[in-house]
PDB file of N, CA and C in Angstrom:
ATOM      1  N   MET A   1     122.148  83.625 104.887  1.00  0.00           N
ATOM      2  CA  MET A   1     120.788  83.155 105.072  1.00  0.00           C
ATOM      3  C   MET A   1     119.928  83.583 103.880  1.00  0.00           C
ATOM      4  N   ARG A   2     119.126  82.676 103.390  1.00  0.00           N
ATOM      5  CA  ARG A   2     118.276  82.931 102.236  1.00  0.00           C
ATOM      6  C   ARG A   2     117.094  83.820 102.615  1.00  0.00           C
ATOM      7  N   LYS A   3     116.782  84.750 101.709  1.00  0.00           N
ATOM      8  CA  LYS A   3     115.639  85.639 101.949  1.00  0.00           C
ATOM      9  C   LYS A   3     114.333  84.859 101.845  1.00  0.00           C
ATOM     10  N   LYS A   4     113.316  85.339 102.519  1.00  0.00           N
ATOM     11  CA  LYS A   4     111.990  84.750 102.359  1.00  0.00           C
ATOM     12  C   LYS A   4     111.560  84.956 100.907  1.00  0.00           C
ATOM     13  N   ARG A   5     110.832  84.015 100.379  1.00  0.00           N
ATOM     14  CA  ARG A   5     110.406  84.090  98.974  1.00  0.00           C
ATOM     15  C   ARG A   5     109.684  85.393  98.652  1.00  0.00           C
ATOM     16  N   SER A   6     108.917  85.912  99.599  1.00  0.00           N
ATOM     17  CA  SER A   6     108.150  87.126  99.333  1.00  0.00           C
ATOM     18  C   SER A   6     109.040  88.355  99.180  1.00  0.00           C
ATOM     19  N   ASP A   7     110.287  88.274  99.668  1.00  0.00           N
ATOM     20  CA  ASP A   7     111.197  89.416  99.611  1.00  0.00           C
ATOM     21  C   ASP A   7     112.222  89.327  98.481  1.00  0.00           C
ATOM     22  N   ARG A   8     112.255  88.234  97.761  1.00  0.00           N
ATOM     23  CA  ARG A   8     113.289  88.037  96.762  1.00  0.00           C
ATOM     24  C   ARG A   8     113.054  88.895  95.525  1.00  0.00           C
ATOM     25  N   ASN A   9     114.155  89.231  94.856  1.00  0.00           N
ATOM     26  CA  ASN A   9     114.069  90.001  93.616  1.00  0.00           C
ATOM     27  C   ASN A   9     113.677  89.100  92.456  1.00  0.00           C
ATOM     28  N   HIS A  10     112.903  89.662  91.551  1.00  0.00           N
ATOM     29  CA  HIS A  10     112.482  88.968  90.334  1.00  0.00           C
ATOM     30  C   HIS A  10     112.741  89.893  89.153  1.00  0.00           C
ATOM     31  N   ILE A  11     112.962  89.294  88.004  1.00  0.00           N
ATOM     32  CA  ILE A  11     113.062  90.104  86.792  1.00  0.00           C
ATOM     33  C   ILE A  11     111.877  89.791  85.898  1.00  0.00           C
ATOM     34  N   ILE A  12     111.378  90.829  85.267  1.00  0.00           N
ATOM     35  CA  ILE A  12     110.382  90.694  84.219  1.00  0.00           C
ATOM     36  C   ILE A  12     111.196  90.790  82.930  1.00  0.00           C
ATOM     37  N   TYR A  13     111.031  89.812  82.057  1.00  0.00           N
ATOM     38  CA  TYR A  13     111.847  89.770  80.845  1.00  0.00           C
ATOM     39  C   TYR A  13     110.987  89.638  79.595  1.00  0.00           C
ATOM     40  N   LYS A  14     111.599  89.969  78.464  1.00  0.00           N
ATOM     41  CA  LYS A  14     110.914  89.843  77.180  1.00  0.00           C
ATOM     42  C   LYS A  14     111.785  89.029  76.237  1.00  0.00           C
ATOM     43  N   LEU A  15     111.165  88.045  75.598  1.00  0.00           N
ATOM     44  CA  LEU A  15     111.796  87.276  74.533  1.00  0.00           C
ATOM     45  C   LEU A  15     111.159  87.731  73.232  1.00  0.00           C
ATOM     46  N   THR A  16     111.973  87.960  72.210  1.00  0.00           N
ATOM     47  CA  THR A  16     111.450  88.384  70.917  1.00  0.00           C
ATOM     48  C   THR A  16     111.958  87.451  69.828  1.00  0.00           C
ATOM     49  N   ASN A  17     111.024  86.912  69.058  1.00  0.00           N
ATOM     50  CA  ASN A  17     111.387  86.110  67.892  1.00  0.00           C
ATOM     51  C   ASN A  17     111.708  87.106  66.778  1.00  0.00           C
ATOM     52  N   THR A  18     112.963  87.143  66.350  1.00  0.00           N
ATOM     53  CA  THR A  18     113.391  88.130  65.359  1.00  0.00           C
ATOM     54  C   THR A  18     112.897  87.806  63.954  1.00  0.00           C
ATOM     55  N   VAL A  19     112.402  86.600  63.737  1.00  0.00           N
ATOM     56  CA  VAL A  19     111.848  86.219  62.428  1.00  0.00           C
ATOM     57  C   VAL A  19     110.413  86.728  62.302  1.00  0.00           C
ATOM     58  N   THR A  20     109.618  86.492  63.338  1.00  0.00           N
ATOM     59  CA  THR A  20     108.188  86.841  63.296  1.00  0.00           C
ATOM     60  C   THR A  20     107.868  88.135  64.035  1.00  0.00           C
ATOM     61  N   ASN A  21     108.801  88.629  64.826  1.00  0.00           N
ATOM     62  CA  ASN A  21     108.619  89.816  65.663  1.00  0.00           C
ATOM     63  C   ASN A  21     107.599  89.588  66.785  1.00  0.00           C
ATOM     64  N   GLU A  22     107.267  88.330  67.076  1.00  0.00           N
ATOM     65  CA  GLU A  22     106.356  88.008  68.168  1.00  0.00           C
ATOM     66  C   GLU A  22     107.142  88.018  69.478  1.00  0.00           C
ATOM     67  N   THR A  23     106.457  88.361  70.566  1.00  0.00           N
ATOM     68  CA  THR A  23     107.123  88.482  71.851  1.00  0.00           C
ATOM     69  C   THR A  23     106.489  87.604  72.922  1.00  0.00           C
ATOM     70  N   TYR A  24     107.252  87.431  73.987  1.00  0.00           N
ATOM     71  CA  TYR A  24     106.828  86.689  75.171  1.00  0.00           C
ATOM     72  C   TYR A  24     107.288  87.492  76.385  1.00  0.00           C
ATOM     73  N   ILE A  25     106.418  87.638  77.360  1.00  0.00           N
ATOM     74  CA  ILE A  25     106.758  88.318  78.612  1.00  0.00           C
ATOM     75  C   ILE A  25     106.756  87.268  79.715  1.00  0.00           C
ATOM     76  N   GLY A  26     107.811  87.270  80.531  1.00  0.00           N
ATOM     77  CA  GLY A  26     107.906  86.296  81.611  1.00  0.00           C
ATOM     78  C   GLY A  26     108.500  86.897  82.858  1.00  0.00           C
ATOM     79  N   VAL A  27     108.491  86.101  83.919  1.00  0.00           N
ATOM     80  CA  VAL A  27     109.062  86.506  85.201  1.00  0.00           C
ATOM     81  C   VAL A  27     109.898  85.356  85.728  1.00  0.00           C
ATOM     82  N   THR A  28     111.000  85.674  86.367  1.00  0.00           N
ATOM     83  CA  THR A  28     111.816  84.654  87.012  1.00  0.00           C
ATOM     84  C   THR A  28     112.507  85.253  88.224  1.00  0.00           C
ATOM     85  N   VAL A  29     112.779  84.402  89.197  1.00  0.00           N
ATOM     86  CA  VAL A  29     113.451  84.844  90.415  1.00  0.00           C
ATOM     87  C   VAL A  29     114.930  85.063  90.116  1.00  0.00           C
ATOM     88  N   VAL A  30     115.525  86.015  90.806  1.00  0.00           N
ATOM     89  CA  VAL A  30     116.940  86.341  90.616  1.00  0.00           C
ATOM     90  C   VAL A  30     117.750  85.688  91.731  1.00  0.00           C
ATOM     91  N   SER A  31     118.855  85.072  91.341  1.00  0.00           N
ATOM     92  CA  SER A  31     119.789  84.507  92.320  1.00  0.00           C
ATOM     93  C   SER A  31     120.793  85.591  92.697  1.00  0.00           C
ATOM     94  N   GLY A  32     120.657  86.139  93.886  1.00  0.00           N
ATOM     95  CA  GLY A  32     121.546  87.217  94.323  1.00  0.00           C
ATOM     96  C   GLY A  32     121.393  88.434  93.443  1.00  0.00           C
ATOM     97  N   ARG A  33     122.502  88.854  92.827  1.00  0.00           N
ATOM     98  CA  ARG A  33     122.466  89.986  91.898  1.00  0.00           C
ATOM     99  C   ARG A  33     122.771  89.545  90.476  1.00  0.00           C
ATOM    100  N   ALA A  34     122.668  88.260  90.232  1.00  0.00           N
ATOM    101  CA  ALA A  34     123.014  87.701  88.927  1.00  0.00           C
ATOM    102  C   ALA A  34     121.808  87.771  87.980  1.00  0.00           C
ATOM    103  N   TYR A  35     121.448  88.980  87.588  1.00  0.00           N
ATOM    104  CA  TYR A  35     120.251  89.183  86.764  1.00  0.00           C
ATOM    105  C   TYR A  35     120.363  88.489  85.411  1.00  0.00           C
ATOM    106  N   LEU A  36     121.454  88.719  84.710  1.00  0.00           N
ATOM    107  CA  LEU A  36     121.618  88.116  83.383  1.00  0.00           C
ATOM    108  C   LEU A  36     121.753  86.600  83.469  1.00  0.00           C
ATOM    109  N   LYS A  37     122.432  86.126  84.491  1.00  0.00           N
ATOM    110  CA  LYS A  37     122.571  84.681  84.681  1.00  0.00           C
ATOM    111  C   LYS A  37     121.203  84.049  84.954  1.00  0.00           C
ATOM    112  N   SER A  38     120.376  84.721  85.738  1.00  0.00           N
ATOM    113  CA  SER A  38     119.032  84.224  86.042  1.00  0.00           C
ATOM    114  C   SER A  38     118.184  84.173  84.779  1.00  0.00           C
ATOM    115  N   LEU A  39     118.293  85.208  83.932  1.00  0.00           N
ATOM    116  CA  LEU A  39     117.553  85.218  82.668  1.00  0.00           C
ATOM    117  C   LEU A  39     118.052  84.112  81.750  1.00  0.00           C
ATOM    118  N   ARG A  40     119.362  83.940  81.675  1.00  0.00           N
ATOM    119  CA  ARG A  40     119.932  82.885  80.829  1.00  0.00           C
ATOM    120  C   ARG A  40     119.454  81.513  81.289  1.00  0.00           C
ATOM    121  N   SER A  41     119.424  81.291  82.594  1.00  0.00           N
ATOM    122  CA  SER A  41     118.966  80.022  83.155  1.00  0.00           C
ATOM    123  C   SER A  41     117.498  79.762  82.793  1.00  0.00           C
ATOM    124  N   ARG A  42     116.672  80.794  82.879  1.00  0.00           N
ATOM    125  CA  ARG A  42     115.241  80.644  82.520  1.00  0.00           C
ATOM    126  C   ARG A  42     115.100  80.366  81.038  1.00  0.00           C
ATOM    127  N   TRP A  43     115.908  81.036  80.198  1.00  0.00           N
ATOM    128  CA  TRP A  43     115.885  80.825  78.752  1.00  0.00           C
ATOM    129  C   TRP A  43     116.245  79.376  78.426  1.00  0.00           C
ATOM    130  N   ILE A  44     117.234  78.833  79.107  1.00  0.00           N
ATOM    131  CA  ILE A  44     117.633  77.442  78.886  1.00  0.00           C
ATOM    132  C   ILE A  44     116.482  76.492  79.217  1.00  0.00           C
ATOM    133  N   ARG A  45     115.712  76.794  80.252  1.00  0.00           N
ATOM    134  CA  ARG A  45     114.539  75.961  80.580  1.00  0.00           C
ATOM    135  C   ARG A  45     113.476  76.052  79.493  1.00  0.00           C
ATOM    136  N   HIS A  46     113.280  77.250  78.930  1.00  0.00           N
ATOM    137  CA  HIS A  46     112.345  77.384  77.802  1.00  0.00           C
ATOM    138  C   HIS A  46     112.799  76.499  76.637  1.00  0.00           C
ATOM    139  N   ILE A  47     114.076  76.544  76.309  1.00  0.00           N
ATOM    140  CA  ILE A  47     114.627  75.761  75.197  1.00  0.00           C
ATOM    141  C   ILE A  47     114.444  74.269  75.459  1.00  0.00           C
ATOM    142  N   TYR A  48     114.768  73.842  76.656  1.00  0.00           N
ATOM    143  CA  TYR A  48     114.646  72.427  77.018  1.00  0.00           C
ATOM    144  C   TYR A  48     113.211  71.938  76.828  1.00  0.00           C
ATOM    145  N   LYS A  49     112.258  72.698  77.369  1.00  0.00           N
ATOM    146  CA  LYS A  49     110.852  72.297  77.241  1.00  0.00           C
ATOM    147  C   LYS A  49     110.415  72.259  75.780  1.00  0.00           C
ATOM    148  N   ALA A  50     110.899  73.201  74.995  1.00  0.00           N
ATOM    149  CA  ALA A  50     110.548  73.232  73.570  1.00  0.00           C
ATOM    150  C   ALA A  50     111.125  72.027  72.838  1.00  0.00           C
ATOM    151  N   LYS A  51     112.373  71.713  73.114  1.00  0.00           N
ATOM    152  CA  LYS A  51     113.053  70.629  72.396  1.00  0.00           C
ATOM    153  C   LYS A  51     112.505  69.254  72.720  1.00  0.00           C
ATOM    154  N   ILE A  52     112.087  69.041  73.959  1.00  0.00           N
ATOM    155  CA  ILE A  52     111.553  67.722  74.288  1.00  0.00           C
ATOM    156  C   ILE A  52     110.060  67.625  73.952  1.00  0.00           C
ATOM    157  N   GLY A  53     109.504  68.714  73.440  1.00  0.00           N
ATOM    158  CA  GLY A  53     108.098  68.713  73.041  1.00  0.00           C
ATOM    159  C   GLY A  53     107.155  68.577  74.214  1.00  0.00           C
ATOM    160  N   MET A  54     107.615  69.030  75.384  1.00  0.00           N
ATOM    161  CA  MET A  54     106.845  68.874  76.603  1.00  0.00           C
ATOM    162  C   MET A  54     105.591  69.744  76.626  1.00  0.00           C
ATOM    163  N   THR A  55     105.660  70.886  76.007  1.00  0.00           N
ATOM    164  CA  THR A  55     104.509  71.788  76.056  1.00  0.00           C
ATOM    165  C   THR A  55     104.106  72.238  74.662  1.00  0.00           C
ATOM    166  N   GLU A  56     102.870  72.612  74.553  1.00  0.00           N
ATOM    167  CA  GLU A  56     102.353  73.155  73.303  1.00  0.00           C
ATOM    168  C   GLU A  56     102.073  74.652  73.438  1.00  0.00           C
ATOM    169  N   TYR A  57     102.812  75.289  74.318  1.00  0.00           N
ATOM    170  CA  TYR A  57     102.687  76.734  74.434  1.00  0.00           C
ATOM    171  C   TYR A  57     103.270  77.382  73.190  1.00  0.00           C
ATOM    172  N   PRO A  58     102.725  78.526  72.777  1.00  0.00           N
ATOM    173  CA  PRO A  58     103.247  79.208  71.595  1.00  0.00           C
ATOM    174  C   PRO A  58     104.748  79.485  71.654  1.00  0.00           C
ATOM    175  N   ILE A  59     105.294  79.810  72.833  1.00  0.00           N
ATOM    176  CA  ILE A  59     106.729  80.072  72.926  1.00  0.00           C
ATOM    177  C   ILE A  59     107.518  78.812  72.576  1.00  0.00           C
ATOM    178  N   SER A  60     107.064  77.664  73.039  1.00  0.00           N
ATOM    179  CA  SER A  60     107.757  76.406  72.733  1.00  0.00           C
ATOM    180  C   SER A  60     107.678  76.070  71.251  1.00  0.00           C
ATOM    181  N   ILE A  61     106.522  76.260  70.671  1.00  0.00           N
ATOM    182  CA  ILE A  61     106.346  75.996  69.235  1.00  0.00           C
ATOM    183  C   ILE A  61     107.231  76.925  68.421  1.00  0.00           C
ATOM    184  N   SER A  62     107.298  78.183  68.809  1.00  0.00           N
ATOM    185  CA  SER A  62     108.115  79.160  68.099  1.00  0.00           C
ATOM    186  C   SER A  62     109.603  78.810  68.182  1.00  0.00           C
ATOM    187  N   ILE A  63     110.053  78.357  69.351  1.00  0.00           N
ATOM    188  CA  ILE A  63     111.460  77.949  69.500  1.00  0.00           C
ATOM    189  C   ILE A  63     111.749  76.744  68.614  1.00  0.00           C
ATOM    190  N   ARG A  64     110.840  75.770  68.601  1.00  0.00           N
ATOM    191  CA  ARG A  64     111.041  74.579  67.752  1.00  0.00           C
ATOM    192  C   ARG A  64     111.030  74.939  66.278  1.00  0.00           C
ATOM    193  N   THR A  65     110.148  75.834  65.884  1.00  0.00           N
ATOM    194  CA  THR A  65     109.989  76.191  64.467  1.00  0.00           C
ATOM    195  C   THR A  65     111.141  77.049  63.951  1.00  0.00           C
ATOM    196  N   HIS A  66     111.520  78.057  64.705  1.00  0.00           N
ATOM    197  CA  HIS A  66     112.493  79.041  64.216  1.00  0.00           C
ATOM    198  C   HIS A  66     113.895  78.879  64.796  1.00  0.00           C
ATOM    199  N   GLY A  67     114.030  78.084  65.846  1.00  0.00           N
ATOM    200  CA  GLY A  67     115.334  77.866  66.466  1.00  0.00           C
ATOM    201  C   GLY A  67     115.643  78.891  67.536  1.00  0.00           C
ATOM    202  N   GLU A  68     116.415  78.457  68.518  1.00  0.00           N
ATOM    203  CA  GLU A  68     116.731  79.333  69.653  1.00  0.00           C
ATOM    204  C   GLU A  68     117.542  80.550  69.247  1.00  0.00           C
ATOM    205  N   GLU A  69     118.288  80.450  68.149  1.00  0.00           N
ATOM    206  CA  GLU A  69     119.109  81.573  67.689  1.00  0.00           C
ATOM    207  C   GLU A  69     118.264  82.712  67.119  1.00  0.00           C
ATOM    208  N   SER A  70     116.976  82.473  66.914  1.00  0.00           N
ATOM    209  CA  SER A  70     116.081  83.490  66.363  1.00  0.00           C
ATOM    210  C   SER A  70     115.447  84.364  67.443  1.00  0.00           C
ATOM    211  N   PHE A  71     115.937  84.260  68.668  1.00  0.00           N
ATOM    212  CA  PHE A  71     115.351  85.013  69.773  1.00  0.00           C
ATOM    213  C   PHE A  71     116.354  85.960  70.423  1.00  0.00           C
ATOM    214  N   THR A  72     115.830  87.114  70.823  1.00  0.00           N
ATOM    215  CA  THR A  72     116.612  88.016  71.670  1.00  0.00           C
ATOM    216  C   THR A  72     115.977  87.990  73.054  1.00  0.00           C
ATOM    217  N   ARG A  73     116.796  88.290  74.060  1.00  0.00           N
ATOM    218  CA  ARG A  73     116.319  88.315  75.444  1.00  0.00           C
ATOM    219  C   ARG A  73     116.667  89.668  76.042  1.00  0.00           C
ATOM    220  N   GLU A  74     115.727  90.214  76.799  1.00  0.00           N
ATOM    221  CA  GLU A  74     116.024  91.472  77.480  1.00  0.00           C
ATOM    222  C   GLU A  74     115.281  91.552  78.798  1.00  0.00           C
ATOM    223  N   ILE A  75     115.925  92.185  79.743  1.00  0.00           N
ATOM    224  CA  ILE A  75     115.302  92.425  81.043  1.00  0.00           C
ATOM    225  C   ILE A  75     114.519  93.726  80.935  1.00  0.00           C
ATOM    226  N   ILE A  76     113.245  93.672  81.299  1.00  0.00           N
ATOM    227  CA  ILE A  76     112.397  94.857  81.267  1.00  0.00           C
ATOM    228  C   ILE A  76     112.518  95.633  82.570  1.00  0.00           C
ATOM    229  N   THR A  77     112.384  94.918  83.685  1.00  0.00           N
ATOM    230  CA  THR A  77     112.443  95.589  84.986  1.00  0.00           C
ATOM    231  C   THR A  77     112.757  94.601  86.091  1.00  0.00           C
ATOM    232  N   LEU A  78     113.152  95.136  87.215  1.00  0.00           N
ATOM    233  CA  LEU A  78     113.415  94.354  88.421  1.00  0.00           C
ATOM    234  C   LEU A  78     112.301  94.668  89.418  1.00  0.00           C
ATOM    235  N   VAL A  79     111.744  93.631  90.034  1.00  0.00           N
ATOM    236  CA  VAL A  79     110.647  93.814  90.991  1.00  0.00           C
ATOM    237  C   VAL A  79     110.969  93.028  92.261  1.00  0.00           C
ATOM    238  N   LYS A  80     110.759  93.642  93.403  1.00  0.00           N
ATOM    239  CA  LYS A  80     110.988  92.969  94.681  1.00  0.00           C
ATOM    240  C   LYS A  80     109.699  92.293  95.124  1.00  0.00           C
ATOM    241  N   GLY A  81     109.791  91.019  95.429  1.00  0.00           N
ATOM    242  CA  GLY A  81     108.649  90.265  95.932  1.00  0.00           C
ATOM    243  C   GLY A  81     107.923  89.497  94.836  1.00  0.00           C
ATOM    244  N   LYS A  82     107.594  88.253  95.144  1.00  0.00           N
ATOM    245  CA  LYS A  82     106.947  87.363  94.182  1.00  0.00           C
ATOM    246  C   LYS A  82     105.569  87.874  93.749  1.00  0.00           C
ATOM    247  N   LYS A  83     104.751  88.262  94.706  1.00  0.00           N
ATOM    248  CA  LYS A  83     103.395  88.731  94.403  1.00  0.00           C
ATOM    249  C   LYS A  83     103.438  89.966  93.501  1.00  0.00           C
ATOM    250  N   SER A  84     104.293  90.915  93.838  1.00  0.00           N
ATOM    251  CA  SER A  84     104.430  92.133  93.027  1.00  0.00           C
ATOM    252  C   SER A  84     104.933  91.812  91.631  1.00  0.00           C
ATOM    253  N   ALA A  85     105.877  90.883  91.541  1.00  0.00           N
ATOM    254  CA  ALA A  85     106.449  90.518  90.239  1.00  0.00           C
ATOM    255  C   ALA A  85     105.379  89.934  89.320  1.00  0.00           C
ATOM    256  N   PHE A  86     104.574  89.023  89.849  1.00  0.00           N
ATOM    257  CA  PHE A  86     103.536  88.422  89.017  1.00  0.00           C
ATOM    258  C   PHE A  86     102.449  89.441  88.650  1.00  0.00           C
ATOM    259  N   GLN A  87     102.214  90.414  89.524  1.00  0.00           N
ATOM    260  CA  GLN A  87     101.262  91.486  89.220  1.00  0.00           C
ATOM    261  C   GLN A  87     101.775  92.343  88.057  1.00  0.00           C
ATOM    262  N   VAL A  88     103.054  92.719  88.118  1.00  0.00           N
ATOM    263  CA  VAL A  88     103.651  93.527  87.043  1.00  0.00           C
ATOM    264  C   VAL A  88     103.656  92.737  85.732  1.00  0.00           C
ATOM    265  N   GLU A  89     104.007  91.461  85.808  1.00  0.00           N
ATOM    266  CA  GLU A  89     104.002  90.623  84.603  1.00  0.00           C
ATOM    267  C   GLU A  89     102.604  90.589  83.981  1.00  0.00           C
ATOM    268  N   SER A  90     101.596  90.375  84.802  1.00  0.00           N
ATOM    269  CA  SER A  90     100.211  90.322  84.328  1.00  0.00           C
ATOM    270  C   SER A  90      99.785  91.639  83.678  1.00  0.00           C
ATOM    271  N   GLU A  91     100.151  92.754  84.300  1.00  0.00           N
ATOM    272  CA  GLU A  91      99.815  94.065  83.734  1.00  0.00           C
ATOM    273  C   GLU A  91     100.484  94.265  82.370  1.00  0.00           C
ATOM    274  N   LEU A  92     101.750  93.871  82.257  1.00  0.00           N
ATOM    275  CA  LEU A  92     102.455  94.015  80.983  1.00  0.00           C
ATOM    276  C   LEU A  92     101.851  93.124  79.902  1.00  0.00           C
ATOM    277  N   ILE A  93     101.481  91.910  80.275  1.00  0.00           N
ATOM    278  CA  ILE A  93     100.854  90.998  79.303  1.00  0.00           C
ATOM    279  C   ILE A  93      99.533  91.587  78.818  1.00  0.00           C
ATOM    280  N   ASN A  94      98.737  92.123  79.728  1.00  0.00           N
ATOM    281  CA  ASN A  94      97.456  92.729  79.347  1.00  0.00           C
ATOM    282  C   ASN A  94      97.649  93.969  78.480  1.00  0.00           C
ATOM    283  N   GLU A  95      98.718  94.719  78.739  1.00  0.00           N
ATOM    284  CA  GLU A  95      98.994  95.940  77.985  1.00  0.00           C
ATOM    285  C   GLU A  95      99.585  95.634  76.603  1.00  0.00           C
ATOM    286  N   ILE A  96     100.589  94.768  76.562  1.00  0.00           N
ATOM    287  CA  ILE A  96     101.325  94.494  75.322  1.00  0.00           C
ATOM    288  C   ILE A  96     100.641  93.428  74.465  1.00  0.00           C
ATOM    289  N   LYS A  97      99.968  92.489  75.116  1.00  0.00           N
ATOM    290  CA  LYS A  97      99.315  91.364  74.449  1.00  0.00           C
ATOM    291  C   LYS A  97     100.297  90.582  73.560  1.00  0.00           C
ATOM    292  N   PRO A  98     101.369  90.072  74.171  1.00  0.00           N
ATOM    293  CA  PRO A  98     102.369  89.330  73.404  1.00  0.00           C
ATOM    294  C   PRO A  98     101.801  88.025  72.849  1.00  0.00           C
ATOM    295  N   ALA A  99     102.063  87.775  71.577  1.00  0.00           N
ATOM    296  CA  ALA A  99     101.487  86.623  70.879  1.00  0.00           C
ATOM    297  C   ALA A  99     101.946  85.282  71.448  1.00  0.00           C
ATOM    298  N   LEU A 100     103.095  85.235  72.071  1.00  0.00           N
ATOM    299  CA  LEU A 100     103.652  83.960  72.510  1.00  0.00           C
ATOM    300  C   LEU A 100     103.333  83.621  73.970  1.00  0.00           C
ATOM    301  N   ASN A 101     102.451  84.357  74.614  1.00  0.00           N
ATOM    302  CA  ASN A 101     102.131  84.102  76.023  1.00  0.00           C
ATOM    303  C   ASN A 101     100.913  83.221  76.257  1.00  0.00           C
ATOM    304  N   THR A 102     100.112  82.976  75.277  1.00  0.00           N
ATOM    305  CA  THR A 102      98.901  82.202  75.525  1.00  0.00           C
ATOM    306  C   THR A 102      99.017  80.804  74.971  1.00  0.00           C
ATOM    307  N   ARG A 103      98.352  79.868  75.646  1.00  0.00           N
ATOM    308  CA  ARG A 103      98.355  78.467  75.214  1.00  0.00           C
ATOM    309  C   ARG A 103      97.567  78.374  73.903  1.00  0.00           C
ATOM    310  N   MET A 104      98.046  77.535  73.010  1.00  0.00           N
ATOM    311  CA  MET A 104      97.357  77.342  71.729  1.00  0.00           C
ATOM    312  C   MET A 104      95.976  76.749  71.972  1.00  0.00           C
ATOM    313  N   GLN A 105      94.995  77.238  71.261  1.00  0.00           N
ATOM    314  CA  GLN A 105      93.636  76.707  71.367  1.00  0.00           C
ATOM    315  C   GLN A 105      93.489  75.559  70.371  1.00  0.00           C
ATOM    316  N   HIS A 106      92.944  74.451  70.859  1.00  0.00           N
ATOM    317  CA  HIS A 106      92.742  73.283  69.966  1.00  0.00           C
ATOM    318  C   HIS A 106      91.300  73.218  69.534  1.00  0.00           C
TER     319      HIS A 106
END
């Protein structure tokens, strides 16, 4: 039986562009205990959105400009519950101020 969304595990992750040293902080739900698989799946969605030019977020622009091979991925922490996960993500973004987390201003 599937857990209620509020009880599911989430990972807070960091993507780093090794060319520019710019970072991105994100959150994604974990499928069972497959933490790395969940991160890889989220990374593939970032790449897809960047390649089809669907978004003008800095992370998408950076992937298009420097290529997916220019990024490292790491899990920062595991958080139980969706609300808590987004709270931790928000706190980390406010603390670290990663360059690739904000939408480009036109």
